[in-house]
C-alpha atoms as a PDB file:
ATOM      1  CA  MET A   1     116.510  70.874  87.115  1.00  0.00           C
ATOM      2  CA  ASP A   2     118.239  73.711  85.267  1.00  0.00           C
ATOM      3  CA  ARG A   3     115.006  75.754  85.215  1.00  0.00           C
ATOM      4  CA  VAL A   4     114.535  75.283  88.958  1.00  0.00           C
ATOM      5  CA  ALA A   5     118.151  76.243  89.665  1.00  0.00           C
ATOM      6  CA  ARG A   6     117.753  79.398  87.593  1.00  0.00           C
ATOM      7  CA  GLN A   7     114.538  80.336  89.423  1.00  0.00           C
ATOM      8  CA  LEU A   8     116.226  79.848  92.794  1.00  0.00           C
ATOM      9  CA  ARG A   9     119.211  81.899  91.673  1.00  0.00           C
ATOM     10  CA  ARG A  10     116.884  84.678  90.488  1.00  0.00           C
ATOM     11  CA  ARG A  11     114.990  84.684  93.776  1.00  0.00           C
ATOM     12  CA  ALA A  12     118.234  84.856  95.759  1.00  0.00           C
ATOM     13  CA  VAL A  13     119.293  87.876  93.698  1.00  0.00           C
ATOM     14  CA  LEU A  14     115.912  89.538  94.335  1.00  0.00           C
ATOM     15  CA  VAL A  15     116.462  89.129  98.089  1.00  0.00           C
ATOM     16  CA  LEU A  16     119.692  91.119  97.713  1.00  0.00           C
ATOM     17  CA  LEU A  17     117.965  93.748  95.585  1.00  0.00           C
ATOM     18  CA  GLU A  18     115.234  94.181  98.192  1.00  0.00           C
ATOM     19  CA  ALA A  19     117.862  94.602 100.899  1.00  0.00           C
ATOM     20  CA  ALA A  20     119.655  97.202  98.780  1.00  0.00           C
ATOM     21  CA  GLN A  21     116.459  99.155  98.133  1.00  0.00           C
ATOM     22  CA  THR A  22     115.415  98.974 101.792  1.00  0.00           C
ATOM     23  CA  ALA A  23     118.789 100.492 102.702  1.00  0.00           C
ATOM     24  CA  ARG A  24     117.634 103.743 101.095  1.00  0.00           C
ATOM     25  CA  TYR A  25     115.300 104.293 104.026  1.00  0.00           C
ATOM     26  CA  ARG A  26     116.801 102.588 107.030  1.00  0.00           C
ATOM     27  CA  ARG A  27     119.660 100.517 108.215  1.00  0.00           C
ATOM     28  CA  HIS A  28     118.745  97.051 107.128  1.00  0.00           C
ATOM     29  CA  VAL A  29     118.617  94.423 109.778  1.00  0.00           C
ATOM     30  CA  ARG A  30     120.510  91.357 108.711  1.00  0.00           C
ATOM     31  CA  SER A  31     118.215  88.427 108.225  1.00  0.00           C
ATOM     32  CA  ARG A  32     118.410  84.705 107.710  1.00  0.00           C
ATOM     33  CA  SER A  33     116.924  85.109 104.244  1.00  0.00           C
ATOM     34  CA  ILE A  34     119.751  87.435 103.206  1.00  0.00           C
ATOM     35  CA  ALA A  35     122.360  85.129 104.753  1.00  0.00           C
ATOM     36  CA  PHE A  36     120.795  82.179 102.914  1.00  0.00           C
ATOM     37  CA  ALA A  37     120.684  84.064  99.598  1.00  0.00           C
ATOM     38  CA  LEU A  38     124.364  84.972  99.926  1.00  0.00           C
ATOM     39  CA  ALA A  39     125.334  81.415 100.891  1.00  0.00           C
ATOM     40  CA  TYR A  40     123.271  79.937  98.064  1.00  0.00           C
ATOM     41  CA  LEU A  41     124.807  82.233  95.449  1.00  0.00           C
ATOM     42  CA  ARG A  42     128.274  81.644  96.854  1.00  0.00           C
ATOM     43  CA  VAL A  43     127.973  77.873  96.652  1.00  0.00           C
ATOM     44  CA  THR A  44     126.044  77.537  93.399  1.00  0.00           C
ATOM     45  CA  CYS A  45     127.610  80.381  91.407  1.00  0.00           C
ATOM     46  CA  GLY A  46     131.104  80.504  92.855  1.00  0.00           C
ATOM     47  CA  ILE A  47     130.753  84.057  94.163  1.00  0.00           C
ATOM     48  CA  ASP A  48     133.839  84.849  96.215  1.00  0.00           C
ATOM     49  CA  ARG A  49     133.503  85.099  99.971  1.00  0.00           C
ATOM     50  CA  ALA A  50     134.983  88.602 100.203  1.00  0.00           C
ATOM     51  CA  ARG A  51     132.293  89.996  97.893  1.00  0.00           C
ATOM     52  CA  CYS A  52     129.520  88.396  99.964  1.00  0.00           C
ATOM     53  CA  GLU A  53     131.064  89.592 103.218  1.00  0.00           C
ATOM     54  CA  ALA A  54     131.357  93.143 101.862  1.00  0.00           C
ATOM     55  CA  PHE A  55     127.613  93.130 101.142  1.00  0.00           C
ATOM     56  CA  TRP A  56     126.818  91.643 104.567  1.00  0.00           C
ATOM     57  CA  GLU A  57     128.970  94.173 106.414  1.00  0.00           C
ATOM     58  CA  ALA A  58     127.588  97.127 104.454  1.00  0.00           C
ATOM     59  CA  LEU A  59     124.066  96.225 105.629  1.00  0.00           C
ATOM     60  CA  GLU A  60     124.986  97.285 109.156  1.00  0.00           C
ATOM     61  CA  GLU A  61     127.074 100.294 108.203  1.00  0.00           C
ATOM     62  CA  ASP A  62     125.850 103.643 109.445  1.00  0.00           C
ATOM     63  CA  SER A  63     127.005 106.188 106.883  1.00  0.00           C
ATOM     64  CA  VAL A  64     125.760 108.364 104.084  1.00  0.00           C
ATOM     65  CA  ILE A  65     127.352 106.130 101.452  1.00  0.00           C
ATOM     66  CA  ARG A  66     125.799 102.936 102.811  1.00  0.00           C
ATOM     67  CA  HIS A  67     123.065 102.593 100.165  1.00  0.00           C
ATOM     68  CA  PRO A  68     125.370 103.014  97.138  1.00  0.00           C
ATOM     69  CA  LYS A  69     127.843 100.527  98.651  1.00  0.00           C
ATOM     70  CA  ILE A  70     125.126  97.959  99.284  1.00  0.00           C
ATOM     71  CA  TYR A  71     123.535  98.457  95.866  1.00  0.00           C
ATOM     72  CA  THR A  72     126.874  98.234  94.051  1.00  0.00           C
ATOM     73  CA  ALA A  73     127.845  95.086  95.971  1.00  0.00           C
ATOM     74  CA  ALA A  74     124.450  93.473  95.276  1.00  0.00           C
ATOM     75  CA  ALA A  75     124.603  94.382  91.582  1.00  0.00           C
ATOM     76  CA  SER A  76     128.094  92.915  91.329  1.00  0.00           C
ATOM     77  CA  ILE A  77     126.989  89.653  92.953  1.00  0.00           C
ATOM     78  CA  ALA A  78     123.923  89.510  90.689  1.00  0.00           C
ATOM     79  CA  GLN A  79     126.061  90.043  87.581  1.00  0.00           C
ATOM     80  CA  LEU A  80     128.469  87.276  88.597  1.00  0.00           C
ATOM     81  CA  ALA A  81     125.515  84.974  89.315  1.00  0.00           C
ATOM     82  CA  GLY A  82     124.281  85.535  85.770  1.00  0.00           C
ATOM     83  CA  GLU A  83     121.167  87.361  86.977  1.00  0.00           C
ATOM     84  CA  PRO A  84     121.898  91.074  86.518  1.00  0.00           C
ATOM     85  CA  PHE A  85     119.383  93.534  87.922  1.00  0.00           C
ATOM     86  CA  ASP A  86     116.760  94.592  85.433  1.00  0.00           C
ATOM     87  CA  ASP A  87     115.070  97.974  85.529  1.00  0.00           C
ATOM     88  CA  ALA A  88     111.532  96.611  85.887  1.00  0.00           C
ATOM     89  CA  ALA A  89     112.299  94.459  88.940  1.00  0.00           C
ATOM     90  CA  ASP A  90     114.442  97.211  90.432  1.00  0.00           C
ATOM     91  CA  ALA A  91     111.659  99.790  90.069  1.00  0.00           C
ATOM     92  CA  ALA A  92     108.977  97.438  91.400  1.00  0.00           C
ATOM     93  CA  ILE A  93     110.986  96.524  94.479  1.00  0.00           C
ATOM     94  CA  TRP A  94     111.923 100.151  95.065  1.00  0.00           C
ATOM     95  CA  ARG A  95     108.213 101.117  95.000  1.00  0.00           C
ATOM     96  CA  GLU A  96     107.395  98.354  97.507  1.00  0.00           C
ATOM     97  CA  CYS A  97     110.189  99.496  99.838  1.00  0.00           C
ATOM     98  CA  GLN A  98     109.157 103.136  99.496  1.00  0.00           C
ATOM     99  CA  ALA A  99     105.517 102.281 100.288  1.00  0.00           C
ATOM    100  CA  ARG A 100     106.585 100.294 103.374  1.00  0.00           C
ATOM    101  CA  HIS A 101     108.719 103.202 104.512  1.00  0.00           C
ATOM    102  CA  GLU A 102     105.873 105.701 104.055  1.00  0.00           C
ATOM    103  CA  ALA A 103     103.472 103.404 105.949  1.00  0.00           C
ATOM    104  CA  GLU A 104     105.961 103.079 108.825  1.00  0.00           C
ATOM    105  CA  ARG A 105     106.446 106.841 108.959  1.00  0.00           C
ATOM    106  CA  SER A 106     102.728 107.558 109.019  1.00  0.00           C
ATOM    107  CA  GLY A 107     102.057 104.850 111.610  1.00  0.00           C
ATOM    108  CA  ARG A 108      99.864 102.696 109.384  1.00  0.00           C
END
């Protein structure tokens, strides 16, 4: 069961990382998957509610500093969950988000 719990925790953290990387290009629409990931990490890892709410609120913020706030909040949650962001996953998700953004811009 420990292996499964770790995999679920890792996947929840990757949801937050994807949201943070998507925020580079557009205001991220809150989703059930992000809400679930936050709730899961809060319950299973003891992440405090204020930290999760700060991430959730930053998703809808409309400012120049939105992306750094979201990324910092997500990284903090990931660290507390015992699943810190790694450069390889971060870069891969960033490339996916960038490609989606370029496809949306070009109308593909």
